[in-house]
Amino acid sequence: MSINKSYCYILILAGCLWPGCAAADQLLQLTPATCVTLQQGRSCHTQVQVSWQLPKADNVCLYLQQQVLHCWQNSAGAQWRWRFEHASSQQLTLWQLDTNGQPSVLLDSASVEVNWVHNAQKKRLWRRF
């Protein structure tokens, strides 16, 4: 292998390790990706902007676990608002649908992380009257 080819391979590998390389492959984006509540265990409430983009139009559905949140027919991308009300982090998945309308190919996934400011309240062993 010549020196020029070696440098070329190194540059290609270094380019894929660059942080922007991974972001280019991300099809599904959630904004904000973090929801903050005051206490651990309490539900966090926010509006999440869900956006996705595909190279070509297809039939896709957005899922929260096994529940369908929204579907798009013959679309290459969309933006959608999701009302987030959960006490724990949640993962959304974008699935390509087969000809029967069933999820067949997982295209991407993204999460909304729930953080809190204070730990859950501890039960008091006694109270002062």
N, C-alpha and C. Protein backbone atom coordinates (compact mmCIF):
# COMPACT_ATOMS: atom_id res chain seq x y z
N MET A 1 0.85 -1.17 0.00
CA MET A 1 0.00 0.00 0.00
C MET A 1 0.89 1.23 0.00
N SER A 2 0.58 2.16 -0.83
CA SER A 2 1.41 3.37 -0.91
C SER A 2 1.08 4.33 0.23
N ILE A 3 1.95 5.28 0.43
CA ILE A 3 1.77 6.26 1.50
C ILE A 3 0.53 7.11 1.26
N ASN A 4 0.28 7.49 0.02
CA ASN A 4 -0.89 8.31 -0.29
C ASN A 4 -2.19 7.59 0.05
N LYS A 5 -2.27 6.29 -0.24
CA LYS A 5 -3.47 5.52 0.09
C LYS A 5 -3.64 5.41 1.60
N SER A 6 -2.54 5.25 2.32
CA SER A 6 -2.60 5.16 3.78
C SER A 6 -3.18 6.43 4.37
N TYR A 7 -2.70 7.57 3.90
CA TYR A 7 -3.22 8.85 4.39
C TYR A 7 -4.69 9.01 4.05
N CYS A 8 -5.07 8.55 2.89
CA CYS A 8 -6.47 8.64 2.47
C CYS A 8 -7.37 7.84 3.42
N TYR A 9 -6.97 6.61 3.77
CA TYR A 9 -7.75 5.79 4.68
C TYR A 9 -7.82 6.42 6.06
N ILE A 10 -6.73 6.99 6.52
CA ILE A 10 -6.71 7.64 7.83
C ILE A 10 -7.67 8.82 7.83
N LEU A 11 -7.65 9.62 6.78
CA LEU A 11 -8.55 10.77 6.70
C LEU A 11 -10.02 10.34 6.65
N ILE A 12 -10.30 9.27 5.93
CA ILE A 12 -11.68 8.78 5.86
C ILE A 12 -12.14 8.30 7.23
N LEU A 13 -11.31 7.53 7.92
CA LEU A 13 -11.67 7.04 9.25
C LEU A 13 -11.82 8.19 10.23
N ALA A 14 -10.93 9.15 10.19
CA ALA A 14 -11.01 10.30 11.09
C ALA A 14 -12.27 11.10 10.82
N GLY A 15 -12.67 11.21 9.58
CA GLY A 15 -13.89 11.94 9.24
C GLY A 15 -15.13 11.31 9.83
N CYS A 16 -15.19 9.99 9.89
CA CYS A 16 -16.35 9.31 10.45
C CYS A 16 -16.35 9.33 11.97
N LEU A 17 -15.23 9.61 12.59
CA LEU A 17 -15.18 9.74 14.03
C LEU A 17 -15.52 11.16 14.48
N TRP A 18 -15.56 12.08 13.55
CA TRP A 18 -15.88 13.47 13.85
C TRP A 18 -17.33 13.55 14.31
N PRO A 19 -17.66 14.36 15.35
CA PRO A 19 -19.03 14.41 15.88
C PRO A 19 -20.10 14.72 14.85
N GLY A 20 -19.83 15.51 13.84
CA GLY A 20 -20.82 15.84 12.83
C GLY A 20 -21.22 14.66 11.97
N CYS A 21 -20.37 13.67 11.86
CA CYS A 21 -20.64 12.49 11.03
C CYS A 21 -21.83 11.71 11.59
N ALA A 22 -21.87 11.52 12.91
CA ALA A 22 -22.96 10.77 13.53
C ALA A 22 -24.27 11.54 13.42
N ALA A 23 -24.23 12.86 13.56
CA ALA A 23 -25.45 13.66 13.50
C ALA A 23 -26.09 13.60 12.12
N ALA A 24 -25.30 13.42 11.09
CA ALA A 24 -25.83 13.37 9.73
C ALA A 24 -26.70 12.13 9.53
N ASP A 25 -26.44 11.05 10.26
CA ASP A 25 -27.20 9.82 10.14
C ASP A 25 -28.47 9.84 10.97
N GLN A 26 -28.64 10.85 11.82
CA GLN A 26 -29.80 10.91 12.70
C GLN A 26 -31.02 11.36 11.90
N LEU A 27 -32.03 10.51 11.83
CA LEU A 27 -33.25 10.80 11.08
C LEU A 27 -34.31 11.46 11.95
N LEU A 28 -34.35 11.08 13.23
CA LEU A 28 -35.38 11.53 14.17
C LEU A 28 -34.76 12.47 15.19
N GLN A 29 -35.35 13.64 15.36
CA GLN A 29 -34.84 14.62 16.32
C GLN A 29 -35.97 15.09 17.23
N LEU A 30 -35.66 15.22 18.52
CA LEU A 30 -36.61 15.70 19.51
C LEU A 30 -36.06 16.96 20.15
N THR A 31 -36.91 18.00 20.24
CA THR A 31 -36.50 19.25 20.87
C THR A 31 -37.62 19.72 21.79
N PRO A 32 -37.37 19.88 23.08
CA PRO A 32 -36.13 19.60 23.78
C PRO A 32 -35.96 18.11 24.03
N ALA A 33 -34.74 17.69 24.24
CA ALA A 33 -34.44 16.29 24.50
C ALA A 33 -34.39 16.01 26.00
N THR A 34 -34.54 17.05 26.82
CA THR A 34 -34.52 16.90 28.28
C THR A 34 -35.68 17.67 28.88
N CYS A 35 -36.34 17.06 29.86
CA CYS A 35 -37.42 17.71 30.60
C CYS A 35 -37.01 17.70 32.07
N VAL A 36 -37.16 18.84 32.74
CA VAL A 36 -36.73 18.96 34.14
C VAL A 36 -37.95 19.21 35.01
N THR A 37 -38.09 18.40 36.06
CA THR A 37 -39.15 18.56 37.05
C THR A 37 -38.51 18.87 38.40
N LEU A 38 -39.30 19.38 39.34
CA LEU A 38 -38.74 19.78 40.63
C LEU A 38 -38.33 18.58 41.47
N GLN A 39 -39.20 17.57 41.55
CA GLN A 39 -38.90 16.44 42.42
C GLN A 39 -38.90 15.13 41.65
N GLN A 40 -38.03 14.23 42.09
CA GLN A 40 -37.96 12.90 41.51
C GLN A 40 -39.31 12.20 41.69
N GLY A 41 -39.79 11.56 40.64
CA GLY A 41 -41.05 10.83 40.70
C GLY A 41 -42.25 11.61 40.22
N ARG A 42 -42.12 12.93 40.11
CA ARG A 42 -43.22 13.74 39.60
C ARG A 42 -43.20 13.77 38.08
N SER A 43 -44.37 13.89 37.50
CA SER A 43 -44.45 13.97 36.03
C SER A 43 -43.84 15.27 35.54
N CYS A 44 -43.18 15.17 34.42
CA CYS A 44 -42.59 16.32 33.77
C CYS A 44 -43.48 16.67 32.58
N HIS A 45 -43.78 17.95 32.42
CA HIS A 45 -44.69 18.40 31.37
C HIS A 45 -43.96 19.34 30.42
N THR A 46 -44.02 19.04 29.13
CA THR A 46 -43.43 19.92 28.12
C THR A 46 -44.01 19.58 26.75
N GLN A 47 -43.84 20.48 25.81
CA GLN A 47 -44.19 20.23 24.42
C GLN A 47 -42.90 19.86 23.69
N VAL A 48 -42.87 18.71 23.06
CA VAL A 48 -41.69 18.24 22.34
C VAL A 48 -41.94 18.40 20.84
N GLN A 49 -41.01 19.05 20.17
CA GLN A 49 -41.06 19.18 18.71
C GLN A 49 -40.38 17.95 18.12
N VAL A 50 -41.14 17.11 17.45
CA VAL A 50 -40.62 15.90 16.81
C VAL A 50 -40.43 16.22 15.33
N SER A 51 -39.23 15.99 14.83
CA SER A 51 -39.00 16.19 13.39
C SER A 51 -38.18 15.03 12.85
N TRP A 52 -38.46 14.66 11.63
CA TRP A 52 -37.73 13.57 10.99
C TRP A 52 -37.62 13.86 9.50
N GLN A 53 -36.59 13.28 8.91
CA GLN A 53 -36.31 13.48 7.48
C GLN A 53 -35.77 12.18 6.90
N LEU A 54 -36.31 11.76 5.77
CA LEU A 54 -35.86 10.55 5.07
C LEU A 54 -35.32 10.92 3.70
N PRO A 55 -34.45 10.06 3.14
CA PRO A 55 -33.94 10.33 1.79
C PRO A 55 -35.02 10.26 0.71
N LYS A 56 -36.06 9.43 0.93
CA LYS A 56 -37.16 9.33 -0.04
C LYS A 56 -38.47 9.14 0.71
N ALA A 57 -39.56 9.48 0.06
CA ALA A 57 -40.88 9.39 0.68
C ALA A 57 -41.23 7.93 0.99
N ASP A 58 -41.90 7.73 2.14
CA ASP A 58 -42.28 6.39 2.56
C ASP A 58 -43.44 6.50 3.55
N ASN A 59 -44.02 5.36 3.91
CA ASN A 59 -45.04 5.29 4.94
C ASN A 59 -44.35 4.96 6.25
N VAL A 60 -44.51 5.84 7.25
CA VAL A 60 -43.82 5.65 8.52
C VAL A 60 -44.77 5.95 9.68
N CYS A 61 -44.44 5.38 10.84
CA CYS A 61 -45.18 5.67 12.07
C CYS A 61 -44.21 5.92 13.20
N LEU A 62 -44.63 6.79 14.10
CA LEU A 62 -43.86 7.12 15.30
C LEU A 62 -44.49 6.38 16.47
N TYR A 63 -43.66 5.66 17.22
CA TYR A 63 -44.15 4.84 18.33
C TYR A 63 -43.53 5.29 19.65
N LEU A 64 -44.34 5.16 20.71
CA LEU A 64 -43.87 5.24 22.10
C LEU A 64 -44.11 3.85 22.66
N GLN A 65 -43.04 3.09 22.85
CA GLN A 65 -43.11 1.68 23.21
C GLN A 65 -43.93 0.95 22.15
N GLN A 66 -45.07 0.37 22.49
CA GLN A 66 -45.91 -0.35 21.51
C GLN A 66 -47.07 0.50 21.01
N GLN A 67 -47.16 1.75 21.47
CA GLN A 67 -48.29 2.62 21.13
C GLN A 67 -47.95 3.52 19.95
N VAL A 68 -48.84 3.55 18.96
CA VAL A 68 -48.66 4.44 17.81
C VAL A 68 -49.04 5.86 18.23
N LEU A 69 -48.11 6.80 18.03
CA LEU A 69 -48.40 8.20 18.32
C LEU A 69 -48.92 8.94 17.10
N HIS A 70 -48.29 8.69 15.95
CA HIS A 70 -48.70 9.37 14.71
C HIS A 70 -48.12 8.63 13.51
N CYS A 71 -48.84 8.65 12.39
CA CYS A 71 -48.37 8.02 11.15
C CYS A 71 -48.42 9.03 10.01
N TRP A 72 -47.56 8.83 9.04
CA TRP A 72 -47.50 9.66 7.84
C TRP A 72 -47.48 8.74 6.62
N GLN A 73 -48.25 9.10 5.61
CA GLN A 73 -48.32 8.33 4.38
C GLN A 73 -47.54 9.04 3.28
N ASN A 74 -46.68 8.30 2.60
CA ASN A 74 -45.92 8.81 1.45
C ASN A 74 -45.27 10.17 1.75
N SER A 75 -44.50 10.20 2.82
CA SER A 75 -43.86 11.45 3.26
C SER A 75 -42.36 11.23 3.43
N ALA A 76 -41.59 12.26 3.09
CA ALA A 76 -40.13 12.19 3.24
C ALA A 76 -39.67 12.93 4.49
N GLY A 77 -40.59 13.57 5.19
CA GLY A 77 -40.23 14.29 6.40
C GLY A 77 -41.43 15.01 6.97
N ALA A 78 -41.33 15.34 8.26
CA ALA A 78 -42.44 16.03 8.90
C ALA A 78 -41.98 16.63 10.22
N GLN A 79 -42.81 17.53 10.73
CA GLN A 79 -42.66 18.06 12.08
C GLN A 79 -43.99 17.87 12.78
N TRP A 80 -43.91 17.52 14.06
CA TRP A 80 -45.11 17.21 14.82
C TRP A 80 -44.86 17.54 16.28
N ARG A 81 -45.88 18.05 16.96
CA ARG A 81 -45.75 18.38 18.39
C ARG A 81 -46.34 17.25 19.23
N TRP A 82 -45.59 16.91 20.28
CA TRP A 82 -46.00 15.84 21.18
C TRP A 82 -46.07 16.40 22.59
N ARG A 83 -47.20 16.20 23.25
CA ARG A 83 -47.36 16.66 24.63
C ARG A 83 -46.77 15.60 25.56
N PHE A 84 -45.63 15.92 26.14
CA PHE A 84 -44.89 14.99 27.00
C PHE A 84 -45.35 15.18 28.43
N GLU A 85 -45.85 14.11 29.07
CA GLU A 85 -46.28 14.12 30.47
C GLU A 85 -45.89 12.79 31.09
N HIS A 86 -44.63 12.68 31.51
CA HIS A 86 -44.13 11.42 32.06
C HIS A 86 -43.20 11.70 33.23
N ALA A 87 -43.09 10.73 34.13
CA ALA A 87 -42.20 10.85 35.28
C ALA A 87 -40.83 10.23 35.00
N SER A 88 -40.71 9.51 33.91
CA SER A 88 -39.44 8.88 33.57
C SER A 88 -39.11 9.13 32.10
N SER A 89 -37.87 8.88 31.75
CA SER A 89 -37.42 9.08 30.37
C SER A 89 -38.19 8.16 29.42
N GLN A 90 -38.45 8.64 28.21
CA GLN A 90 -39.22 7.89 27.23
C GLN A 90 -38.49 7.86 25.89
N GLN A 91 -38.56 6.71 25.22
CA GLN A 91 -37.90 6.56 23.92
C GLN A 91 -38.95 6.46 22.82
N LEU A 92 -38.79 7.28 21.78
CA LEU A 92 -39.65 7.22 20.60
C LEU A 92 -38.91 6.49 19.50
N THR A 93 -39.65 5.74 18.69
CA THR A 93 -39.05 5.03 17.56
C THR A 93 -39.82 5.36 16.29
N LEU A 94 -39.09 5.50 15.21
CA LEU A 94 -39.67 5.77 13.89
C LEU A 94 -39.53 4.51 13.05
N TRP A 95 -40.67 3.97 12.62
CA TRP A 95 -40.70 2.70 11.88
C TRP A 95 -41.20 2.90 10.46
N GLN A 96 -40.56 2.23 9.53
CA GLN A 96 -41.06 2.13 8.16
C GLN A 96 -42.13 1.04 8.16
N LEU A 97 -43.23 1.28 7.45
CA LEU A 97 -44.33 0.32 7.41
C LEU A 97 -44.24 -0.56 6.17
N ASP A 98 -44.67 -1.82 6.33
CA ASP A 98 -44.72 -2.71 5.17
C ASP A 98 -46.03 -2.48 4.41
N THR A 99 -46.29 -3.30 3.40
CA THR A 99 -47.49 -3.11 2.57
C THR A 99 -48.79 -3.35 3.34
N ASN A 100 -48.71 -4.08 4.47
CA ASN A 100 -49.88 -4.34 5.31
C ASN A 100 -50.07 -3.27 6.38
N GLY A 101 -49.20 -2.28 6.41
CA GLY A 101 -49.30 -1.22 7.41
C GLY A 101 -48.69 -1.59 8.75
N GLN A 102 -47.90 -2.65 8.79
CA GLN A 102 -47.25 -3.08 10.02
C GLN A 102 -45.81 -2.57 10.05
N PRO A 103 -45.30 -2.25 11.25
CA PRO A 103 -43.90 -1.80 11.33
C PRO A 103 -42.95 -2.90 10.87
N SER A 104 -42.04 -2.56 9.95
CA SER A 104 -41.14 -3.58 9.41
C SER A 104 -39.67 -3.23 9.59
N VAL A 105 -39.31 -1.96 9.45
CA VAL A 105 -37.90 -1.55 9.55
C VAL A 105 -37.79 -0.40 10.54
N LEU A 106 -36.96 -0.59 11.56
CA LEU A 106 -36.69 0.49 12.52
C LEU A 106 -35.76 1.49 11.85
N LEU A 107 -36.24 2.71 11.66
CA LEU A 107 -35.44 3.74 10.99
C LEU A 107 -34.55 4.50 11.97
N ASP A 108 -35.09 4.85 13.14
CA ASP A 108 -34.30 5.60 14.11
C ASP A 108 -35.06 5.64 15.44
N SER A 109 -34.35 6.02 16.49
CA SER A 109 -34.97 6.21 17.79
C SER A 109 -34.33 7.41 18.47
N ALA A 110 -35.08 8.03 19.37
CA ALA A 110 -34.58 9.18 20.12
C ALA A 110 -35.33 9.21 21.45
N SER A 111 -34.70 9.81 22.46
CA SER A 111 -35.27 9.82 23.80
C SER A 111 -35.45 11.22 24.34
N VAL A 112 -36.47 11.35 25.20
CA VAL A 112 -36.62 12.54 26.03
C VAL A 112 -36.23 12.10 27.44
N GLU A 113 -35.17 12.68 27.96
CA GLU A 113 -34.68 12.33 29.29
C GLU A 113 -35.37 13.19 30.34
N VAL A 114 -35.78 12.58 31.45
CA VAL A 114 -36.39 13.31 32.56
C VAL A 114 -35.36 13.46 33.66
N ASN A 115 -35.11 14.70 34.06
CA ASN A 115 -34.21 15.01 35.17
C ASN A 115 -35.00 15.76 36.23
N TRP A 116 -34.47 15.78 37.44
CA TRP A 116 -35.15 16.47 38.52
C TRP A 116 -34.15 17.29 39.32
N VAL A 117 -34.69 18.30 40.01
CA VAL A 117 -33.87 19.20 40.81
C VAL A 117 -33.62 18.61 42.19
N HIS A 118 -34.68 18.07 42.81
CA HIS A 118 -34.59 17.51 44.17
C HIS A 118 -34.96 16.04 44.15
N ASN A 119 -34.34 15.26 45.04
CA ASN A 119 -34.72 13.85 45.19
C ASN A 119 -36.11 13.76 45.78
N ALA A 120 -36.72 12.59 45.69
CA ALA A 120 -38.06 12.39 46.23
C ALA A 120 -38.06 12.69 47.72
N GLN A 121 -39.19 13.23 48.21
CA GLN A 121 -39.28 13.55 49.63
C GLN A 121 -39.22 12.27 50.45
N LYS A 122 -38.47 12.36 51.52
CA LYS A 122 -38.39 11.22 52.43
C LYS A 122 -39.54 11.31 53.42
N LYS A 123 -40.09 10.17 53.80
CA LYS A 123 -41.16 10.18 54.79
C LYS A 123 -40.58 10.55 56.14
N ARG A 124 -41.27 11.42 56.81
CA ARG A 124 -40.83 11.80 58.15
C ARG A 124 -41.25 10.72 59.12
N LEU A 125 -40.35 10.38 60.02
CA LEU A 125 -40.66 9.35 61.00
C LEU A 125 -41.56 9.90 62.10
N TRP A 126 -41.46 11.17 62.37
CA TRP A 126 -42.32 11.79 63.36
C TRP A 126 -42.59 13.22 62.94
N ARG A 127 -43.66 13.73 63.48
CA ARG A 127 -44.02 15.11 63.18
C ARG A 127 -44.16 15.89 64.48
N ARG A 128 -43.82 17.12 64.39
CA ARG A 128 -43.96 18.00 65.54
C ARG A 128 -45.29 18.72 65.43
N PHE A 129 -46.07 18.67 66.50
CA PHE A 129 -47.40 19.29 66.48
C PHE A 129 -47.33 20.71 66.94
